[in-house]
N, C-alpha and C. Protein backbone atom coordinates (compact mmCIF):
# COMPACT_ATOMS: atom_id res chain seq x y z
N UNK A 1 -69.64 -7.22 -50.38
CA UNK A 1 -68.41 -6.74 -50.49
C UNK A 1 -68.37 -5.43 -49.08
N UNK A 2 -67.64 -5.54 -48.66
CA UNK A 2 -67.44 -3.95 -47.96
C UNK A 2 -66.81 -3.37 -48.32
N UNK A 3 -67.01 -1.81 -48.96
CA UNK A 3 -66.25 -0.78 -49.62
C UNK A 3 -65.16 -0.53 -49.15
N UNK A 4 -63.72 -0.20 -49.47
CA UNK A 4 -62.96 0.33 -48.80
C UNK A 4 -62.66 1.39 -48.73
N UNK A 5 -61.96 2.08 -47.26
CA UNK A 5 -62.19 3.81 -47.43
C UNK A 5 -60.92 3.98 -47.31
N UNK A 6 -60.36 4.84 -48.14
CA UNK A 6 -59.06 5.41 -48.42
C UNK A 6 -58.82 6.27 -47.46
N UNK A 7 -57.35 6.46 -46.90
CA UNK A 7 -57.31 7.09 -45.18
C UNK A 7 -56.99 8.59 -45.98
N UNK A 8 -57.72 9.41 -45.21
CA UNK A 8 -57.83 10.97 -45.40
C UNK A 8 -56.16 11.73 -45.00
N UNK A 9 -56.12 12.61 -45.82
CA UNK A 9 -54.87 13.36 -45.36
C UNK A 9 -54.40 13.65 -44.26
N UNK A 10 -55.25 13.80 -43.23
CA UNK A 10 -55.04 13.54 -41.58
C UNK A 10 -54.06 12.43 -41.07
N UNK A 11 -55.24 11.73 -41.49
CA UNK A 11 -54.61 10.48 -40.94
C UNK A 11 -53.21 9.96 -41.30
N UNK A 12 -53.29 10.30 -42.70
CA UNK A 12 -51.31 9.76 -43.11
C UNK A 12 -50.50 10.95 -42.82
N UNK A 13 -50.90 12.13 -42.12
CA UNK A 13 -50.15 13.17 -41.80
C UNK A 13 -49.78 12.44 -40.24
N UNK A 14 -50.63 12.39 -39.59
CA UNK A 14 -50.86 11.18 -37.96
C UNK A 14 -49.74 10.53 -38.01
N UNK A 15 -49.90 9.60 -39.45
CA UNK A 15 -48.78 8.21 -39.43
C UNK A 15 -47.55 8.53 -39.49
N UNK A 16 -47.47 9.69 -40.66
CA UNK A 16 -46.27 10.24 -40.98
C UNK A 16 -45.47 10.78 -39.63
N UNK A 17 -46.24 11.95 -38.77
CA UNK A 17 -45.61 12.24 -37.48
C UNK A 17 -45.35 11.23 -36.09
N UNK A 18 -45.83 10.44 -36.55
CA UNK A 18 -45.87 9.03 -35.36
C UNK A 18 -44.17 7.94 -35.87
N UNK A 19 -44.29 8.19 -37.30
CA UNK A 19 -43.07 7.16 -37.68
C UNK A 19 -42.32 8.00 -37.31
N UNK A 20 -41.92 9.29 -37.67
CA UNK A 20 -40.91 10.32 -37.45
C UNK A 20 -40.20 10.81 -36.27
N UNK A 21 -42.04 10.59 -34.76
CA UNK A 21 -41.39 10.34 -33.65
C UNK A 21 -40.56 9.25 -33.03
N UNK A 22 -41.12 7.98 -33.48
CA UNK A 22 -40.28 6.77 -33.06
C UNK A 22 -38.76 7.31 -33.37
N UNK A 23 -38.58 7.26 -35.10
CA UNK A 23 -37.64 7.52 -35.25
C UNK A 23 -36.24 8.66 -34.89
N UNK A 24 -36.99 9.19 -34.25
CA UNK A 24 -36.00 10.21 -33.60
C UNK A 24 -35.92 9.73 -31.94
N UNK A 25 -36.74 9.10 -31.69
CA UNK A 25 -36.41 8.58 -30.28
C UNK A 25 -35.48 7.76 -29.93
N UNK A 26 -35.45 6.78 -31.05
CA UNK A 26 -35.01 5.23 -31.25
C UNK A 26 -33.20 6.18 -32.21
N UNK A 27 -33.33 7.00 -33.14
CA UNK A 27 -31.96 7.28 -33.42
C UNK A 27 -31.70 8.70 -32.73
N UNK A 28 -31.92 8.98 -31.61
CA UNK A 28 -32.09 10.38 -30.67
C UNK A 28 -30.87 9.72 -29.49
N UNK A 29 -31.96 8.72 -29.11
CA UNK A 29 -30.92 8.33 -27.93
C UNK A 29 -29.68 7.28 -28.37
N UNK A 30 -29.62 6.67 -29.75
CA UNK A 30 -28.12 6.39 -30.02
C UNK A 30 -27.18 7.35 -30.23
N UNK A 31 -28.02 8.68 -30.53
CA UNK A 31 -26.81 9.62 -31.27
C UNK A 31 -26.24 10.04 -29.45
N UNK A 32 -27.53 10.34 -28.84
CA UNK A 32 -27.15 10.77 -27.18
C UNK A 32 -26.01 10.24 -26.52
N UNK A 33 -25.71 8.58 -26.38
CA UNK A 33 -25.02 7.79 -26.00
C UNK A 33 -23.85 7.72 -26.75
N UNK A 34 -23.69 7.41 -27.67
CA UNK A 34 -22.51 7.78 -28.52
C UNK A 34 -21.74 8.77 -28.61
N UNK A 35 -22.54 10.09 -28.24
CA UNK A 35 -21.83 11.33 -27.78
C UNK A 35 -21.12 11.00 -26.37
N UNK A 36 -22.03 10.87 -25.35
CA UNK A 36 -21.52 10.89 -24.29
C UNK A 36 -20.78 9.96 -23.95
N UNK A 37 -20.72 8.72 -24.26
CA UNK A 37 -19.62 7.54 -24.97
C UNK A 37 -18.44 8.45 -25.09
N UNK A 38 -18.04 8.44 -26.17
CA UNK A 38 -16.68 9.53 -27.01
C UNK A 38 -16.40 10.31 -26.17
N UNK A 39 -17.14 11.19 -25.77
CA UNK A 39 -16.63 12.13 -24.70
C UNK A 39 -15.98 11.92 -23.47
N UNK A 40 -15.73 10.79 -23.00
CA UNK A 40 -15.15 10.31 -21.62
C UNK A 40 -16.15 10.51 -20.57
N UNK A 41 -17.38 10.96 -20.53
CA UNK A 41 -18.04 10.83 -19.99
C UNK A 41 -18.83 9.45 -19.56
N UNK A 42 -19.07 9.74 -17.72
CA UNK A 42 -19.01 8.82 -16.97
C UNK A 42 -20.26 8.94 -16.00
N UNK A 43 -21.16 8.36 -15.31
CA UNK A 43 -21.99 8.32 -14.66
C UNK A 43 -21.15 7.96 -12.97
N UNK A 44 -21.26 9.10 -11.93
CA UNK A 44 -20.96 9.29 -10.74
C UNK A 44 -20.65 7.66 -10.21
N UNK A 45 -21.43 7.10 -10.33
CA UNK A 45 -21.63 5.34 -9.62
C UNK A 45 -20.13 4.70 -10.33
N UNK A 46 -20.06 5.15 -11.78
CA UNK A 46 -18.75 3.96 -12.01
C UNK A 46 -17.58 5.02 -11.95
N UNK A 47 -17.35 5.99 -11.30
CA UNK A 47 -16.19 6.68 -11.20
C UNK A 47 -15.73 5.82 -10.28
N UNK A 48 -14.43 5.90 -10.17
CA UNK A 48 -13.29 5.65 -8.91
C UNK A 48 -13.08 7.60 -8.11
N UNK A 49 -12.55 7.10 -7.03
CA UNK A 49 -12.24 8.55 -6.39
C UNK A 49 -10.49 8.72 -6.39
N UNK A 50 -9.70 7.30 -5.74
CA UNK A 50 -8.24 7.64 -6.35
C UNK A 50 -8.48 7.92 -8.11
N UNK A 51 -6.69 7.57 -7.80
CA UNK A 51 -6.33 8.21 -9.81
C UNK A 51 -6.15 6.70 -10.28
N UNK A 52 -6.47 6.94 -10.88
CA UNK A 52 -6.29 5.13 -11.82
C UNK A 52 -4.74 5.34 -12.00
N UNK A 53 -4.03 4.39 -11.86
CA UNK A 53 -3.05 4.68 -12.55
C UNK A 53 -2.72 3.57 -14.03
N UNK A 54 -2.35 4.48 -14.73
CA UNK A 54 -2.41 3.13 -16.10
C UNK A 54 -1.00 3.69 -16.81
N UNK A 55 -0.55 2.78 -16.89
CA UNK A 55 -0.26 1.54 -16.36
C UNK A 55 0.11 1.17 -14.84
N UNK A 56 -0.76 -0.07 -14.88
CA UNK A 56 -0.27 -0.22 -13.25
C UNK A 56 0.84 -0.25 -12.67
N UNK A 57 2.00 0.02 -11.54
CA UNK A 57 3.14 -0.18 -11.03
C UNK A 57 3.07 -1.63 -10.58
N UNK A 58 4.31 -2.40 -10.72
CA UNK A 58 4.23 -3.86 -11.20
C UNK A 58 5.32 -3.79 -9.72
N UNK A 59 4.82 -4.51 -8.70
CA UNK A 59 5.57 -4.49 -7.43
C UNK A 59 5.41 -6.02 -7.52
N UNK A 60 5.72 -7.48 -8.21
CA UNK A 60 5.29 -8.82 -7.69
C UNK A 60 6.91 -9.13 -7.94
N UNK A 61 7.91 -8.67 -8.23
CA UNK A 61 9.11 -8.74 -8.70
C UNK A 61 10.06 -8.58 -7.29
N UNK A 62 9.04 -7.83 -6.40
CA UNK A 62 9.56 -7.09 -5.41
C UNK A 62 9.38 -8.13 -4.36
N UNK A 63 10.40 -8.50 -3.13
CA UNK A 63 9.95 -9.09 -1.88
C UNK A 63 10.60 -8.20 -0.90
N UNK A 64 9.07 -7.33 -0.33
CA UNK A 64 9.61 -6.71 0.98
C UNK A 64 9.70 -6.97 2.12
N UNK A 65 10.94 -6.86 3.14
CA UNK A 65 10.32 -7.67 4.09
C UNK A 65 9.75 -6.86 5.27
N UNK A 66 9.07 -7.63 6.31
CA UNK A 66 8.50 -7.27 7.37
C UNK A 66 9.57 -7.06 8.31
N UNK A 67 8.90 -5.69 9.41
CA UNK A 67 9.62 -5.37 10.63
C UNK A 67 10.28 -6.02 11.33
N UNK A 68 9.91 -7.31 11.62
CA UNK A 68 10.56 -8.72 12.20
C UNK A 68 11.73 -9.55 11.13
N UNK A 69 11.66 -9.45 9.73
CA UNK A 69 13.35 -9.92 8.44
C UNK A 69 12.78 -10.56 7.98
N UNK A 70 11.08 -11.45 8.41
CA UNK A 70 10.71 -12.03 7.36
C UNK A 70 9.97 -11.53 6.43
N UNK A 71 9.79 -12.31 4.69
CA UNK A 71 9.63 -12.38 4.07
C UNK A 71 8.15 -11.89 3.85
N UNK A 72 7.40 -10.27 3.24
CA UNK A 72 6.38 -10.57 2.76
C UNK A 72 5.57 -10.94 1.27
N UNK A 73 4.51 -11.61 1.57
CA UNK A 73 4.57 -12.60 0.30
C UNK A 73 3.28 -11.78 0.12
N UNK A 74 3.50 -11.67 -1.92
CA UNK A 74 2.18 -11.03 -2.17
C UNK A 74 1.07 -12.10 -2.33
N UNK A 75 1.28 -13.69 -2.53
CA UNK A 75 0.43 -14.19 -2.27
C UNK A 75 -0.94 -14.41 -3.18
N UNK A 76 -1.25 -14.49 -4.21
CA UNK A 76 -2.20 -13.69 -5.04
C UNK A 76 -3.46 -14.65 -4.50
N UNK A 77 -3.14 -16.04 -4.49
CA UNK A 77 -4.07 -16.91 -3.90
C UNK A 77 -4.97 -16.71 -2.97
N UNK A 78 -4.38 -16.05 -1.76
CA UNK A 78 -5.70 -15.25 -0.47
C UNK A 78 -6.65 -14.13 -0.86
N UNK A 79 -5.97 -13.58 -2.00
CA UNK A 79 -7.20 -13.02 -2.40
C UNK A 79 -7.16 -11.21 -1.74
N UNK A 80 -6.13 -10.81 -1.04
CA UNK A 80 -5.84 -10.29 -0.33
C UNK A 80 -5.50 -8.58 -1.18
N UNK A 81 -6.43 -7.86 -0.65
CA UNK A 81 -5.61 -6.16 -1.48
C UNK A 81 -5.40 -5.80 0.04
N UNK A 82 -4.53 -4.65 -0.66
CA UNK A 82 -3.40 -3.80 0.75
C UNK A 82 -3.61 -2.59 0.47
N UNK A 83 -3.75 -1.54 1.41
CA UNK A 83 -4.03 -0.36 1.36
C UNK A 83 -2.23 0.02 1.88
N UNK A 84 -1.69 0.97 1.22
CA UNK A 84 0.07 1.14 1.29
C UNK A 84 -0.19 2.18 1.43
N UNK A 85 1.29 3.05 2.39
CA UNK A 85 1.34 4.24 2.75
C UNK A 85 2.95 4.10 2.90
N UNK A 86 3.79 4.97 2.13
CA UNK A 86 5.10 5.54 2.52
C UNK A 86 5.62 6.65 3.16
N UNK A 87 5.31 6.97 4.39
CA UNK A 87 5.72 8.21 4.73
C UNK A 87 7.05 8.06 5.17
N UNK A 88 7.41 9.57 4.86
CA UNK A 88 9.03 10.46 5.06
C UNK A 88 9.47 9.61 6.82
N UNK A 89 10.40 9.64 6.99
CA UNK A 89 10.85 8.92 8.17
C UNK A 89 10.65 9.86 9.45
N UNK A 90 10.06 11.66 9.10
CA UNK A 90 10.04 12.06 10.49
C UNK A 90 8.81 12.51 10.43
N UNK A 91 7.89 11.84 9.83
CA UNK A 91 6.13 12.20 9.63
C UNK A 91 5.67 11.57 11.31
N UNK A 92 5.03 12.01 12.17
CA UNK A 92 4.85 11.77 13.47
C UNK A 92 2.53 12.42 13.49
N UNK A 93 2.70 13.70 13.40
CA UNK A 93 0.86 13.91 14.12
C UNK A 93 0.33 13.53 12.91
N UNK A 94 0.75 14.22 11.62
CA UNK A 94 -0.07 13.97 9.90
C UNK A 94 -0.09 12.38 10.43
N UNK A 95 0.50 11.71 10.56
CA UNK A 95 0.55 10.06 10.44
C UNK A 95 -0.32 9.39 10.66
N UNK A 96 0.10 9.86 12.38
CA UNK A 96 -0.97 9.51 13.08
C UNK A 96 -2.54 9.52 12.98
N UNK A 97 -2.80 10.94 12.72
CA UNK A 97 -4.03 11.16 12.17
C UNK A 97 -4.51 10.40 10.99
N UNK A 98 -3.79 10.15 10.04
CA UNK A 98 -3.80 9.35 8.52
C UNK A 98 -3.65 7.53 8.82
N UNK A 99 -3.38 7.55 10.08
CA UNK A 99 -3.47 6.02 10.48
C UNK A 99 -4.88 5.70 11.20
N UNK A 100 -5.26 6.58 11.91
CA UNK A 100 -6.58 6.50 12.76
C UNK A 100 -7.56 6.61 11.33
N UNK A 101 -7.50 7.50 10.16
CA UNK A 101 -8.45 7.63 9.45
C UNK A 101 -8.25 6.34 8.06
N UNK A 102 -7.50 5.71 8.16
CA UNK A 102 -7.18 4.87 7.13
C UNK A 102 -7.51 3.20 8.20
N UNK A 103 -7.32 3.22 9.60
CA UNK A 103 -8.18 1.99 10.51
C UNK A 103 -9.62 2.45 10.34
N UNK A 104 -9.98 3.20 10.62
CA UNK A 104 -11.57 3.75 10.30
C UNK A 104 -12.36 2.73 9.32
N UNK A 105 -11.76 3.05 7.80
CA UNK A 105 -12.06 2.75 6.61
C UNK A 105 -11.87 1.18 6.82
N UNK A 106 -10.82 0.52 7.47
CA UNK A 106 -10.81 -0.90 7.16
C UNK A 106 -12.01 -1.22 8.17
N UNK A 107 -12.27 -0.77 9.45
CA UNK A 107 -13.47 -0.93 10.18
C UNK A 107 -14.85 -1.12 9.45
N UNK A 108 -15.28 -0.13 8.40
CA UNK A 108 -16.02 0.37 8.07
C UNK A 108 -16.41 -0.76 6.90
N UNK A 109 -15.47 -1.50 6.53
CA UNK A 109 -15.48 -2.20 5.35
C UNK A 109 -16.31 -3.35 5.85
N UNK A 110 -16.23 -3.78 7.48
CA UNK A 110 -17.36 -4.85 8.19
C UNK A 110 -16.59 -6.29 7.88
N UNK A 111 -17.79 -7.13 7.24
CA UNK A 111 -17.39 -8.79 6.82
C UNK A 111 -16.11 -8.77 5.81
N UNK A 112 -15.49 -7.81 5.04
CA UNK A 112 -15.12 -7.81 4.29
C UNK A 112 -13.62 -7.54 4.52
N UNK A 113 -14.00 -6.54 5.84
CA UNK A 113 -12.40 -6.51 6.18
C UNK A 113 -10.99 -7.14 6.53
N UNK A 114 -11.78 -8.52 6.44
CA UNK A 114 -10.56 -9.96 6.68
C UNK A 114 -9.50 -9.81 5.31
N UNK A 115 -10.04 -9.06 3.84
CA UNK A 115 -9.80 -9.15 2.99
C UNK A 115 -8.81 -8.09 2.52
N UNK A 116 -8.44 -7.09 3.56
CA UNK A 116 -7.70 -6.35 3.49
C UNK A 116 -6.61 -5.96 4.20
N UNK A 117 -5.80 -5.36 4.21
CA UNK A 117 -4.19 -5.04 4.81
C UNK A 117 -3.94 -3.86 4.60
N UNK A 118 -3.07 -3.27 5.57
CA UNK A 118 -3.17 -1.70 5.66
C UNK A 118 -1.32 -2.31 5.77
N UNK A 119 -0.37 -1.75 4.60
CA UNK A 119 1.05 -1.82 4.72
C UNK A 119 1.59 -0.64 5.16
N UNK A 120 2.14 -0.63 6.11
CA UNK A 120 3.05 0.86 6.42
C UNK A 120 4.50 0.44 6.05
N UNK A 121 4.98 1.36 5.29
CA UNK A 121 6.62 0.95 4.49
C UNK A 121 7.39 2.10 5.13
N UNK A 122 8.13 1.18 6.35
CA UNK A 122 9.03 2.12 7.16
C UNK A 122 8.48 2.15 8.50
N UNK A 123 9.49 2.67 9.81
CA UNK A 123 9.01 2.59 11.10
C UNK A 123 7.85 3.63 10.68
N UNK A 124 6.73 3.44 12.11
CA UNK A 124 5.68 3.81 11.89
C UNK A 124 6.00 5.01 13.49
N UNK A 125 5.66 5.76 13.55
CA UNK A 125 5.38 6.94 14.34
C UNK A 125 5.23 6.36 15.80
N UNK A 126 5.19 6.83 16.91
CA UNK A 126 4.83 6.45 18.24
C UNK A 126 3.36 7.18 18.34
N UNK A 127 2.41 6.57 19.11
CA UNK A 127 0.78 7.09 19.33
C UNK A 127 0.56 6.40 17.98
N UNK A 128 1.06 5.49 17.42
CA UNK A 128 -0.02 5.02 16.68
C UNK A 128 -0.98 4.28 17.24
N UNK A 129 -2.60 4.58 16.86
CA UNK A 129 -3.60 3.66 16.96
C UNK A 129 -3.17 1.90 16.93
N UNK A 130 -3.62 1.19 17.68
CA UNK A 130 -3.48 -0.12 17.48
C UNK A 130 -4.60 -0.46 15.73
N UNK A 131 -3.71 -1.28 15.03
CA UNK A 131 -4.85 -1.49 13.97
C UNK A 131 -4.71 -2.86 13.65
N UNK A 132 -5.59 -3.62 13.49
CA UNK A 132 -5.36 -5.17 13.66
C UNK A 132 -4.97 -5.61 12.27
N UNK A 133 -5.31 -4.60 10.93
CA UNK A 133 -4.49 -5.07 9.56
C UNK A 133 -3.11 -5.04 9.36
N UNK A 134 -2.52 -3.63 10.15
CA UNK A 134 -1.47 -3.27 10.16
C UNK A 134 -0.46 -4.05 10.02
N UNK A 135 0.12 -4.22 8.71
CA UNK A 135 1.22 -4.84 8.38
C UNK A 135 2.64 -3.89 8.54
N UNK A 136 3.30 -3.89 9.12
CA UNK A 136 4.84 -3.21 9.06
C UNK A 136 5.89 -3.67 8.24
N UNK A 137 6.32 -2.35 7.28
CA UNK A 137 7.40 -3.29 6.30
C UNK A 137 8.74 -2.80 6.52
N UNK A 138 9.49 -3.19 6.47
CA UNK A 138 11.19 -2.54 6.45
C UNK A 138 10.79 -1.35 4.96
N UNK A 139 12.09 -0.07 5.91
CA UNK A 139 11.70 0.93 4.62
C UNK A 139 12.89 0.16 3.65
N UNK A 140 12.00 0.39 2.08
CA UNK A 140 13.30 -0.15 0.88
C UNK A 140 13.10 0.77 -0.30
N UNK A 141 14.02 1.09 -0.46
CA UNK A 141 14.51 2.08 -1.94
C UNK A 141 13.69 1.75 -3.27
N UNK A 142 14.03 0.50 -3.61
CA UNK A 142 13.50 -0.38 -4.33
C UNK A 142 11.84 0.51 -4.34
N UNK A 143 10.89 -0.56 -3.09
CA UNK A 143 9.38 -0.03 -3.36
C UNK A 143 9.23 0.85 -3.09
N UNK A 144 9.53 1.92 -2.64
CA UNK A 144 9.42 3.52 -2.57
C UNK A 144 9.41 3.98 -3.99
N UNK A 145 10.29 3.30 -4.70
CA UNK A 145 10.74 3.61 -6.09
C UNK A 145 8.90 3.28 -7.09
N UNK A 146 9.15 2.58 -7.01
CA UNK A 146 8.06 1.43 -7.34
C UNK A 146 6.94 1.97 -6.93
N UNK A 147 6.24 2.89 -5.95
CA UNK A 147 5.22 3.58 -5.67
C UNK A 147 5.29 4.94 -6.40
N UNK A 148 3.87 4.77 -7.43
CA UNK A 148 4.31 6.27 -7.94
C UNK A 148 4.18 7.73 -7.23
N UNK A 149 5.16 8.50 -7.24
CA UNK A 149 5.11 10.18 -6.91
C UNK A 149 4.75 10.18 -5.25
N UNK A 150 5.64 8.68 -4.73
CA UNK A 150 5.42 8.44 -3.32
C UNK A 150 5.92 9.82 -2.51
N UNK A 151 7.43 10.43 -2.94
CA UNK A 151 7.51 11.55 -2.35
C UNK A 151 6.85 13.02 -2.65
N UNK A 152 5.62 13.20 -2.44
CA UNK A 152 4.87 14.03 -2.51
C UNK A 152 5.07 15.36 -1.56
N UNK A 153 5.49 16.58 -1.76
CA UNK A 153 5.73 17.71 -0.86
C UNK A 153 4.43 18.03 -0.29
N UNK A 154 3.23 17.70 -0.74
CA UNK A 154 2.29 18.22 0.06
C UNK A 154 1.45 17.02 1.34
N UNK A 155 1.93 16.13 1.41
CA UNK A 155 1.89 14.98 2.29
C UNK A 155 2.10 13.69 1.81
N UNK A 156 1.47 12.92 2.57
CA UNK A 156 1.68 10.80 2.09
C UNK A 156 0.62 10.67 1.39
N UNK A 157 0.95 10.56 0.15
CA UNK A 157 0.15 9.35 -0.47
C UNK A 157 -0.91 8.14 -0.37
N UNK A 158 -1.65 7.71 -0.19
CA UNK A 158 -1.99 6.33 -0.39
C UNK A 158 -2.34 5.47 -0.87
N UNK A 159 -1.60 4.26 -1.20
CA UNK A 159 -2.22 3.59 -2.92
C UNK A 159 -2.95 2.31 -2.40
N UNK A 160 -3.51 1.86 -3.40
CA UNK A 160 -4.98 0.44 -3.51
C UNK A 160 -3.65 -0.16 -4.07
N UNK A 161 -3.14 -1.81 -3.43
CA UNK A 161 -2.54 -2.71 -4.73
C UNK A 161 -3.52 -4.18 -4.69
N UNK A 162 -3.72 -4.75 -5.55
CA UNK A 162 -4.50 -5.69 -6.07
C UNK A 162 -3.71 -6.97 -5.71
N UNK A 163 -4.46 -8.01 -5.21
CA UNK A 163 -3.71 -8.66 -5.05
C UNK A 163 -2.87 -9.69 -5.62
N UNK A 164 -2.54 -9.39 -7.09
CA UNK A 164 -1.50 -10.28 -7.44
C UNK A 164 0.28 -8.93 -7.55
N UNK A 165 -0.35 -8.09 -6.67
CA UNK A 165 0.85 -7.09 -6.62
C UNK A 165 1.08 -6.11 -7.30
N UNK A 166 -0.29 -5.37 -7.73
CA UNK A 166 -0.11 -4.36 -8.84
C UNK A 166 -0.65 -3.21 -8.25
N UNK A 167 -0.07 -2.19 -8.56
CA UNK A 167 -0.58 -0.51 -7.57
C UNK A 167 -1.43 -0.46 -8.36
N UNK A 168 -2.56 -0.02 -8.37
CA UNK A 168 -4.20 0.13 -9.39
C UNK A 168 -4.45 1.59 -9.19
N UNK A 169 -3.98 2.21 -7.77
CA UNK A 169 -4.82 3.24 -7.68
C UNK A 169 -3.61 4.63 -6.80
N UNK A 170 -3.56 5.51 -6.81
CA UNK A 170 -3.19 6.12 -5.97
C UNK A 170 -3.73 7.17 -5.31
N UNK A 171 -3.88 7.44 -4.01
CA UNK A 171 -4.67 8.89 -3.37
C UNK A 171 -3.99 9.71 -3.02
N UNK A 172 -4.44 10.73 -3.50
CA UNK A 172 -3.51 12.40 -2.93
C UNK A 172 -3.17 12.40 -1.51
N UNK A 173 -2.40 13.32 -1.14
CA UNK A 173 -2.42 13.52 0.55
C UNK A 173 -3.41 14.67 0.62
N UNK A 174 -4.32 14.52 1.71
CA UNK A 174 -5.48 14.90 1.88
C UNK A 174 -6.75 14.59 1.22
N UNK A 175 -6.57 13.30 1.31
CA UNK A 175 -8.00 12.62 0.40
C UNK A 175 -8.76 12.71 1.30
N UNK A 176 -10.15 11.82 0.49
CA UNK A 176 -11.41 11.87 1.32
C UNK A 176 -11.43 10.10 1.87
N UNK A 177 -11.52 10.13 3.04
CA UNK A 177 -11.24 8.54 3.36
C UNK A 177 -12.46 7.74 2.86
N UNK A 178 -13.59 8.48 2.84
CA UNK A 178 -14.57 7.75 2.37
C UNK A 178 -14.89 7.49 0.66
N UNK A 179 -14.23 8.36 -0.02
CA UNK A 179 -13.62 7.53 -1.39
C UNK A 179 -12.83 6.62 -1.66
N UNK A 180 -11.83 6.53 -0.84
CA UNK A 180 -11.32 5.45 -0.75
C UNK A 180 -12.31 4.27 -0.50
N UNK A 181 -12.96 4.09 0.87
CA UNK A 181 -13.86 3.45 1.28
C UNK A 181 -14.61 3.01 0.47
N UNK A 182 -14.96 3.73 -0.56
CA UNK A 182 -16.25 3.41 -1.50
C UNK A 182 -15.17 2.63 -2.72
N UNK A 183 -14.14 2.94 -2.87
CA UNK A 183 -13.77 1.93 -4.18
C UNK A 183 -13.28 0.75 -3.31
N UNK A 184 -12.67 0.74 -2.04
CA UNK A 184 -12.54 -0.73 -1.70
C UNK A 184 -13.72 -1.70 -1.78
N UNK A 185 -14.85 -1.23 -1.85
CA UNK A 185 -16.24 -2.17 -1.17
C UNK A 185 -16.37 -1.92 -2.62
N UNK A 186 -16.08 -1.46 -4.02
CA UNK A 186 -16.44 -1.77 -5.42
C UNK A 186 -15.28 -2.86 -6.17
N UNK A 187 -14.17 -2.55 -5.65
CA UNK A 187 -13.10 -3.92 -5.82
C UNK A 187 -13.22 -4.90 -5.08
N UNK A 188 -13.81 -5.27 -3.85
CA UNK A 188 -14.01 -6.23 -2.80
C UNK A 188 -15.18 -6.92 -3.47
N UNK A 189 -16.05 -6.21 -4.17
CA UNK A 189 -17.68 -6.91 -4.88
C UNK A 189 -16.72 -7.82 -5.84
N UNK A 190 -15.96 -7.08 -6.66
CA UNK A 190 -14.80 -8.14 -7.50
C UNK A 190 -14.60 -9.89 -7.22
N UNK A 191 -14.45 -9.57 -6.38
CA UNK A 191 -14.16 -11.27 -6.06
C UNK A 191 -14.71 -12.18 -5.40
């Protein structure tokens, strides 16, 4: 038989250090993940740019009317997302600029643009650019009241409405249209 050699104190210490290092790596990463999770931190790619409305405003009970008087149905089966805005009656140049930005966002959605409509609540101003996705709805006080903080003194907020008729995101006046586009791309991928 071969004689067994006992471990030297140096090799025992090296083994212990290795075990402690592995335990620190394992439990330390779990601890760091827990701290980040419960502190509310999220990676930038997981955040939305608009304000997430919790709870979302429910518009399903409302049946808005189009400018021609026909009913606008929410039609969840069509999986249509909506960008909505309810500007005040006297809004002219700022609303034309906002409409141009929303049209650009719609165009940049590319092949998914056919799943997004722009709802203009009220009478659009003269000089509005031609927008294929624009749906003009009659001004309705109940619809305006259902939109959270629609009468913002700073300007016109924009909303994202899901296919079922829930207002899920609000963009404050002066928002970055690239953020709206990024949020819509994420939402459209869910469908």
